[in-house]
Every structure is written in C-alpha cells, then in structure tokens.
Amino acid sequence: MTQRFLVVQTAFIGDVILTTPLLTRLAQRGVVDVVTTPVGATLLDGHPAVRHVVAYDKRQGGMNEQWRVLRAVRAGGDISAAYLAQGSSRSGLLAWATGADTRIGFSTSAGQWTYTKRLSLPADTAPMHHAERLWRLDAGGDAVAASDDIRPRLYPPQSAIDEANAWLARAGWRGEPLIALAPGSVWGTKRWPHYAQLSQLIAHLGRAVVIGAHEDRDLGREITTAGGGVLDMTGKLSLAASAALLSRCAAIVTNDSAPLHMASAVNTPTVAIFGPTWPAFGYGPLAERAVVLEESGLACRPCHTHGPMVCPLVHHRCMRDLSAERVASSLTVLLGATS
C-alpha cells in the first residue's frame, strides 16, 4: 500500500521554499500532500514531489476555512505520517484532526504537545541550515545531509516561463545578461539602502532587473530613476514567474529575504547581504555559487532573529556601512567564477 505523507507549512514564503528538500525526500517513499498558505501554494503547484496542495488562508481564521482545509486533506485518504514544518499549536491541532496517528515536529515548537514524535536536534553541532533542520524531520536528528540533499528546488511551470518571457519582451530586453536586485524585506532593518548606487556600478556587467512584491514598488522606482536602463518588475509578476525569471539571471544581489531562498531553489549565483541577522541562524544562501556579505565587526549584531523594523541603536550601521563598491566587487568576482 502506498504511503501518504502530509506536510504542514504555513509560515513565510522562504520557509515554504526551504521545506522542498523534505518534500523531495518523502516523495521517494510515497505520495506527498501539503497544506500551505495561498501564496506558498502558487510556488508548489506542479512541484514533482507534491501530489496535492491545499491552500490554507490563516488570515480568514474562521471555522469555515479550517473545516474546508480539513475536508480537503481527509479526502486524500489515510495519512501515514504528518510532518509539522510550521510549529504552531494551530498547525498541530489541524494535523491531529486529520486522523494522522503519527505526527512529527520539533521538540521546541509551540505545538509540540500535539505531536506523537518530537525531534530534538543535537545542541553541540555547528549551526545548521533551516533546510537541513526540516529535512531531518524525516531523516532523523543525527542524519548527515549532503549539500544536494538540502538545496531547495522550485520548478516553474511553462505558464510562468511564458509570463516572464512576455514581460521581458515588453520591457525591451535584448538578451544581455540579467542581474537581479532584490531590495525588499518585510523587516525594515534587513533592507540594504544602497541598491540605487549599486545599479550604476554594475551597469557594465549586464542589465539590472529589480524584483519584489507590490509593497516594494517604491524601492523599485528609487533604483530605476537612478538611470542605467534598469528594469523594474516589482509587483508585476507572479511568484512562479519571478522564479522563472531568476532562473535566467546571471546572478542576484539580495537581502536576507524570500528572493534569497528562491534564488537558491533555481540555483542562481547569489550575493547575500546580512545586517541585523546572521547566516548562522540557518537562512543563508544554498545556491552552488554564493557569497555572504556582512559587517562582522559590529558588537550589536545580531540584534534580532528576524530583524526589527527600526534599528534599536538608530544608526543602522550593519547595513549603511556596507558600501556599494564592496558589493559590486563581490558580484564581479562571483560572475567571473561562473562565466
């Protein structure tokens, strides 16, 4: 009898992307269904490791939405095991209500009281990437992962590829190398302030294209108005089309935000900028070619696990002191290594 696995991941977009190594591992033994956010569902739709995606809009929050999701999950049949990649009590109760006898999550999660198996990761190991932590939900706490095991993967469908191509054609792209710039972040202090200057310094390397959500349009305009023929796609493409576009880029310069993980998932060479957070938290780049830039000499780093909206010390030196020249130099070296 074919095993059926349920994975519940209703956190941020980056977390959804970093769950794909776990999905790939589970798909080797059975079918995999996923409960995720509506936004996450657009990225996982058509993923070869996933049979069904059930979108769960937590913002609805009512019983009608919860019952709809529960009915959709139960319709898929008996569940061999449920994996709680997002550890809230609400997610744990959802997994319990599906009838899954085995419910696996981290011992540190808020919803751990709903689990039948709690994974405790070794405390004496080196900092572990979150993709590996999620992968170990199935592999086990002492499992050793190869780099290929934990690199996330996205598979943009043809419709997303066509959407990206159409946008490039309308924007006047002529086939020159594309360099993605991702200036946005939900967390204010994660936003590096020198992207406009950087776009001028790297104009000779290719055509810069700004990516981001609808909320990042002001950042996109700031960069494009600096000149240099920069393309601005903030708020103009679906997430899947953004992934398709990223797969065509020679490189990306990004903050510690969702585009970093999207780039890892399509293996785009990455320059990742970290300010209030550390890569050691488990969210660094996983592309085969990547470099992390940070101001390591500041005693105030890290100041938050996510990055506050405003610098607690006001100066925001972790980002302001990282110069556009330094980033441009690192990008040049990275492109030379991948040419």
Protein backbone atom coordinates (compact mmCIF):
# COMPACT_ATOMS: atom_id res chain seq x y z
CA MET A 1 0.00 0.00 0.00
CA THR A 2 1.33 3.41 -0.99
CA GLN A 3 2.23 5.61 1.93
CA ARG A 4 0.70 9.08 2.12
CA PHE A 5 2.52 11.89 3.87
CA LEU A 6 1.12 15.25 4.90
CA VAL A 7 3.38 18.27 5.38
CA VAL A 8 2.01 21.39 7.08
CA GLN A 9 3.98 24.55 6.31
CA THR A 10 2.09 27.82 6.71
CA ALA A 11 4.97 30.18 7.52
CA PHE A 12 6.71 32.73 5.26
CA ILE A 13 7.50 32.17 1.58
CA GLY A 14 11.14 31.46 2.35
CA ASP A 15 10.17 28.75 4.82
CA VAL A 16 7.92 27.13 2.21
CA ILE A 17 10.83 27.06 -0.24
CA LEU A 18 13.18 25.60 2.38
CA THR A 19 10.69 22.78 3.01
CA THR A 20 11.14 21.39 -0.53
CA PRO A 21 14.11 19.14 0.40
CA LEU A 22 11.85 17.41 2.94
CA LEU A 23 9.14 17.04 0.29
CA THR A 24 11.63 15.53 -2.15
CA ARG A 25 12.83 13.04 0.44
CA LEU A 26 9.30 11.95 1.37
CA ALA A 27 8.29 11.56 -2.27
CA GLN A 28 10.87 8.80 -2.63
CA ARG A 29 8.70 6.62 -0.37
CA GLY A 30 5.15 7.68 -1.11
CA VAL A 31 2.81 10.47 -2.12
CA VAL A 32 3.08 13.89 -0.52
CA ASP A 33 0.29 16.38 0.13
CA VAL A 34 1.00 19.84 1.51
CA VAL A 35 -1.03 22.35 3.48
CA THR A 36 0.40 25.81 2.97
CA THR A 37 -0.56 29.44 2.54
CA PRO A 38 -2.26 30.63 -0.67
CA VAL A 39 0.99 32.33 -1.67
CA GLY A 40 3.03 29.21 -0.90
CA ALA A 41 0.58 27.13 -2.92
CA THR A 42 1.42 29.09 -6.07
CA LEU A 43 5.08 28.09 -5.71
CA LEU A 44 4.43 24.39 -5.00
CA ASP A 45 1.73 23.89 -7.63
CA GLY A 46 3.21 21.44 -10.14
CA HIS A 47 6.24 20.56 -7.99
CA PRO A 48 7.17 16.95 -8.93
CA ALA A 49 7.46 15.89 -5.28
CA VAL A 50 3.93 17.06 -4.43
CA ARG A 51 0.67 15.32 -5.29
CA HIS A 52 -1.83 17.83 -3.91
CA VAL A 53 -1.51 21.32 -2.44
CA VAL A 54 -4.20 22.58 -0.09
CA ALA A 55 -4.17 26.34 0.37
CA TYR A 56 -4.96 27.42 3.92
CA ASP A 57 -5.68 31.10 4.40
CA LYS A 58 -4.88 31.65 8.07
CA ARG A 59 -5.96 35.26 7.76
CA GLN A 60 -9.51 34.05 7.29
CA GLY A 61 -9.10 32.42 10.67
CA GLY A 62 -12.67 31.19 10.95
CA MET A 63 -14.06 27.73 11.46
CA ASN A 64 -15.39 27.59 7.90
CA GLU A 65 -11.88 27.90 6.46
CA GLN A 66 -10.49 25.34 8.89
CA TRP A 67 -13.24 22.86 8.09
CA ARG A 68 -12.70 23.38 4.35
CA VAL A 69 -8.99 22.61 4.69
CA LEU A 70 -9.66 19.61 6.92
CA ARG A 71 -12.19 18.15 4.46
CA ALA A 72 -9.78 18.63 1.57
CA VAL A 73 -7.00 16.83 3.45
CA ARG A 74 -9.22 13.96 4.60
CA ALA A 75 -10.46 13.44 1.04
CA GLY A 76 -6.98 12.31 0.06
CA GLY A 77 -7.15 9.15 2.19
CA ASP A 78 -5.39 7.83 5.25
CA ILE A 79 -2.20 9.59 6.33
CA SER A 80 0.88 7.52 7.17
CA ALA A 81 2.57 10.45 8.90
CA ALA A 82 2.10 14.19 9.25
CA TYR A 83 5.15 16.47 9.39
CA LEU A 84 4.77 19.81 11.17
CA ALA A 85 7.23 22.07 9.36
CA GLN A 86 5.45 25.04 10.92
CA GLY A 87 5.22 24.50 14.64
CA SER A 88 2.21 26.43 15.92
CA SER A 89 -0.46 24.82 18.06
CA ARG A 90 -2.99 25.58 15.33
CA SER A 91 -0.98 23.55 12.80
CA GLY A 92 -0.58 20.74 15.33
CA LEU A 93 -4.31 20.60 16.02
CA LEU A 94 -5.01 20.55 12.28
CA ALA A 95 -2.71 17.54 11.86
CA TRP A 96 -4.36 15.82 14.83
CA ALA A 97 -7.82 16.43 13.36
CA THR A 98 -6.84 14.75 10.08
CA GLY A 99 -6.62 11.44 11.94
CA ALA A 100 -2.90 11.02 11.34
CA ASP A 101 -1.68 8.64 14.07
CA THR A 102 1.94 9.77 13.59
CA ARG A 103 2.60 13.50 13.91
CA ILE A 104 6.22 14.63 13.78
CA GLY A 105 7.63 18.02 14.72
CA PHE A 106 10.35 19.77 16.68
CA SER A 107 10.51 19.50 20.45
CA THR A 108 10.93 23.27 20.65
CA SER A 109 7.72 24.08 18.75
CA ALA A 110 4.73 25.69 20.44
CA GLY A 111 2.54 22.87 19.14
CA GLN A 112 4.80 20.05 20.35
CA TRP A 113 2.11 18.91 22.79
CA THR A 114 0.06 17.72 19.80
CA TYR A 115 2.88 15.58 18.35
CA THR A 116 3.46 11.85 18.76
CA LYS A 117 7.16 12.20 17.84
CA ARG A 118 9.30 15.16 18.84
CA LEU A 119 12.64 15.77 17.17
CA SER A 120 15.41 17.24 19.31
CA LEU A 121 18.40 18.39 17.32
CA PRO A 122 21.87 17.91 18.83
CA ALA A 123 22.85 21.00 20.81
CA ASP A 124 26.59 20.57 20.25
CA THR A 125 26.57 20.66 16.46
CA ALA A 126 27.63 23.56 14.25
CA PRO A 127 24.88 25.98 13.18
CA MET A 128 22.51 24.14 10.90
CA HIS A 129 20.65 25.48 7.90
CA HIS A 130 16.89 25.53 8.33
CA ALA A 131 16.50 23.43 5.17
CA GLU A 132 18.52 20.72 6.91
CA ARG A 133 16.54 21.07 10.12
CA LEU A 134 13.33 20.47 8.15
CA TRP A 135 14.92 17.62 6.19
CA ARG A 136 15.84 15.94 9.49
CA LEU A 137 12.18 15.76 10.47
CA ASP A 138 12.18 12.64 8.33
CA ALA A 139 15.87 11.72 8.15
CA GLY A 140 16.41 11.88 11.92
CA GLY A 141 18.26 14.18 14.25
CA ASP A 142 21.65 12.54 13.73
CA ALA A 143 21.40 12.12 9.95
CA VAL A 144 24.19 13.55 7.81
CA ALA A 145 22.99 15.56 4.82
CA ALA A 146 24.92 16.11 1.61
CA SER A 147 24.69 19.60 0.12
CA ASP A 148 22.50 18.29 -2.68
CA ASP A 149 20.08 16.78 -0.14
CA ILE A 150 19.19 20.14 1.36
CA ARG A 151 19.31 22.51 -1.61
CA PRO A 152 15.73 23.65 -2.20
CA ARG A 153 14.19 23.30 -5.64
CA LEU A 154 11.40 25.01 -7.48
CA TYR A 155 10.05 24.03 -10.89
CA PRO A 156 8.29 26.97 -12.54
CA PRO A 157 5.61 25.70 -14.94
CA GLN A 158 5.60 26.65 -18.61
CA SER A 159 2.90 29.25 -17.95
CA ALA A 160 5.26 31.02 -15.52
CA ILE A 161 8.13 30.85 -18.00
CA ASP A 162 5.88 32.34 -20.69
CA GLU A 163 4.80 35.10 -18.29
CA ALA A 164 8.41 36.02 -17.53
CA ASN A 165 9.38 35.95 -21.22
CA ALA A 166 6.45 38.16 -22.17
CA TRP A 167 7.36 40.68 -19.50
CA LEU A 168 10.98 40.81 -20.67
CA ALA A 169 9.88 41.33 -24.26
CA ARG A 170 7.59 44.22 -23.30
CA ALA A 171 10.36 45.77 -21.20
CA GLY A 172 12.71 45.85 -24.19
CA TRP A 173 15.19 43.21 -23.07
CA ARG A 174 17.63 42.35 -25.87
CA GLY A 175 19.29 39.24 -24.47
CA GLU A 176 22.03 40.87 -22.39
CA PRO A 177 22.97 39.20 -19.07
CA LEU A 178 20.40 39.86 -16.35
CA ILE A 179 21.41 40.71 -12.79
CA ALA A 180 18.56 40.60 -10.29
CA LEU A 181 18.36 43.10 -7.45
CA ALA A 182 16.05 42.30 -4.51
CA PRO A 183 15.89 45.39 -2.26
CA GLY A 184 12.81 44.48 -0.24
CA SER A 185 12.08 42.72 3.03
CA VAL A 186 9.16 42.53 5.42
CA TRP A 187 11.61 43.58 8.14
CA GLY A 188 12.79 47.18 7.77
CA THR A 189 16.34 46.76 9.08
CA LYS A 190 17.07 43.99 6.59
CA ARG A 191 16.79 46.43 3.69
CA TRP A 192 20.23 47.43 2.42
CA PRO A 193 19.97 51.12 1.41
CA HIS A 194 22.50 51.32 -1.45
CA TYR A 195 20.84 49.42 -4.33
CA ALA A 196 20.42 52.53 -6.49
CA GLN A 197 24.14 53.27 -6.31
CA LEU A 198 24.95 49.61 -6.92
CA SER A 199 22.87 49.57 -10.10
CA GLN A 200 25.13 52.29 -11.54
CA LEU A 201 28.33 50.49 -10.56
CA ILE A 202 27.33 47.20 -12.21
CA ALA A 203 25.84 48.58 -15.44
CA HIS A 204 28.78 47.21 -17.42
CA LEU A 205 28.13 43.67 -16.15
CA GLY A 206 24.63 43.33 -17.56
CA ARG A 207 21.06 44.59 -17.31
CA ALA A 208 19.83 45.02 -13.76
CA VAL A 209 16.27 43.91 -13.06
CA VAL A 210 14.57 44.76 -9.76
CA ILE A 211 12.37 42.03 -8.32
CA GLY A 212 9.97 42.21 -5.43
CA ALA A 213 6.39 42.33 -4.27
CA HIS A 214 3.77 45.03 -4.77
CA GLU A 215 4.91 46.58 -1.49
CA ASP A 216 8.42 47.06 -2.93
CA ARG A 217 7.38 49.37 -5.77
CA ASP A 218 8.81 52.49 -4.11
CA LEU A 219 12.16 50.74 -3.73
CA GLY A 220 11.99 49.72 -7.39
CA ARG A 221 11.28 53.28 -8.51
CA GLU A 222 14.18 54.60 -6.44
CA ILE A 223 16.56 52.27 -8.26
CA THR A 224 15.19 52.76 -11.78
CA THR A 225 15.11 56.56 -11.54
CA ALA A 226 18.86 56.50 -10.88
CA GLY A 227 19.23 55.64 -14.57
CA GLY A 228 21.21 52.96 -16.37
CA GLY A 229 18.33 51.19 -18.08
CA VAL A 230 17.31 49.19 -15.02
CA LEU A 231 14.20 47.04 -15.49
CA ASP A 232 11.61 47.20 -12.71
CA MET A 233 9.38 44.17 -12.18
CA THR A 234 8.33 44.87 -8.58
CA GLY A 235 4.72 43.82 -8.17
CA LYS A 236 4.39 42.86 -11.84
CA LEU A 237 4.99 39.09 -11.89
CA SER A 238 3.54 36.12 -10.07
CA LEU A 239 5.85 34.32 -7.67
CA ALA A 240 6.24 31.41 -10.06
CA ALA A 241 7.12 33.79 -12.89
CA SER A 242 9.61 35.54 -10.62
CA ALA A 243 11.28 32.18 -10.03
CA ALA A 244 11.33 31.57 -13.78
CA LEU A 245 12.94 34.97 -14.33
CA LEU A 246 15.51 34.34 -11.60
CA SER A 247 16.50 31.07 -13.28
CA ARG A 248 17.58 33.13 -16.30
CA CYS A 249 19.64 35.64 -14.31
CA ALA A 250 23.42 35.54 -14.25
CA ALA A 251 23.31 36.46 -10.55
CA ILE A 252 21.25 38.12 -7.83
CA VAL A 253 22.07 40.63 -5.10
CA THR A 254 19.57 40.21 -2.29
CA ASN A 255 18.84 40.94 1.34
CA ASP A 256 18.11 38.17 3.83
CA SER A 257 14.60 37.66 2.43
CA ALA A 258 12.47 35.37 0.27
CA PRO A 259 14.29 36.10 -3.06
CA LEU A 260 17.48 34.69 -1.49
CA HIS A 261 15.79 31.32 -1.00
CA MET A 262 14.05 31.49 -4.36
CA ALA A 263 17.44 32.03 -5.99
CA SER A 264 18.82 29.00 -4.12
CA ALA A 265 15.89 26.95 -5.41
CA VAL A 266 16.68 27.75 -9.06
CA ASN A 267 20.46 27.76 -8.40
CA THR A 268 21.12 31.38 -9.34
CA PRO A 269 24.56 32.63 -8.20
CA THR A 270 23.90 34.79 -5.15
CA VAL A 271 25.38 37.76 -3.31
CA ALA A 272 23.51 37.76 0.01
CA ILE A 273 23.56 40.82 2.29
CA PHE A 274 23.09 40.25 6.01
CA GLY A 275 22.70 43.05 8.55
CA PRO A 276 20.68 42.59 11.75
CA THR A 277 20.63 38.81 11.33
CA TRP A 278 23.31 36.17 10.89
CA PRO A 279 23.56 33.37 8.30
CA ALA A 280 24.24 31.12 11.30
CA PHE A 281 20.56 31.41 12.17
CA GLY A 282 20.08 28.94 9.32
CA TYR A 283 18.90 31.06 6.41
CA GLY A 284 21.98 31.64 4.27
CA PRO A 285 22.17 31.02 0.51
CA LEU A 286 22.28 27.43 -0.78
CA ALA A 287 22.98 28.07 -4.46
CA GLU A 288 26.10 26.29 -5.69
CA ARG A 289 27.81 29.68 -6.15
CA ALA A 290 27.15 32.17 -3.37
CA VAL A 291 28.83 34.76 -1.18
CA VAL A 292 27.63 36.36 2.06
CA LEU A 293 28.47 39.99 2.82
CA GLU A 294 28.16 41.46 6.31
CA GLU A 295 29.75 43.95 8.68
CA SER A 296 31.25 41.44 11.07
CA GLY A 297 32.95 43.92 13.41
CA LEU A 298 29.79 45.32 14.99
CA ALA A 299 29.15 44.22 18.58
CA CYS A 300 25.42 44.89 18.17
CA ARG A 301 24.98 42.12 15.60
CA PRO A 302 22.78 40.18 15.57
CA CYS A 303 20.07 42.28 17.17
CA HIS A 304 17.06 40.11 16.35
CA THR A 305 16.17 36.70 14.96
CA HIS A 306 14.22 38.31 12.10
CA GLY A 307 15.40 41.91 12.08
CA PRO A 308 13.38 44.69 13.72
CA MET A 309 11.61 47.36 11.70
CA VAL A 310 13.89 50.06 13.16
CA CYS A 311 17.48 49.79 14.34
CA PRO A 312 17.45 49.59 18.17
CA LEU A 313 20.53 51.85 18.25
CA VAL A 314 19.21 54.12 15.47
CA HIS A 315 22.47 54.12 13.43
CA HIS A 316 21.70 51.00 11.27
CA ARG A 317 25.42 50.65 10.64
CA CYS A 318 25.15 46.93 9.86
CA MET A 319 23.64 47.96 6.51
CA ARG A 320 24.75 51.55 5.98
CA ASP A 321 28.44 50.76 6.43
CA LEU A 322 28.38 48.02 3.81
CA SER A 323 29.35 50.00 0.71
CA ALA A 324 28.00 49.64 -2.81
CA GLU A 325 31.61 49.37 -4.04
CA ARG A 326 32.21 46.31 -1.87
CA VAL A 327 29.05 44.63 -3.11
CA ALA A 328 29.86 45.45 -6.74
CA SER A 329 33.36 43.99 -6.31
CA SER A 330 31.99 40.75 -4.82
CA LEU A 331 29.46 40.47 -7.65
CA THR A 332 32.19 40.95 -10.24
CA VAL A 333 34.26 38.17 -8.69
CA LEU A 334 31.22 35.88 -8.48
CA LEU A 335 30.34 36.44 -12.14
CA GLY A 336 33.94 35.77 -13.10
CA ALA A 337 33.81 32.47 -11.19
CA THR A 338 30.64 31.42 -13.01
CA SER A 339 31.47 32.58 -16.54
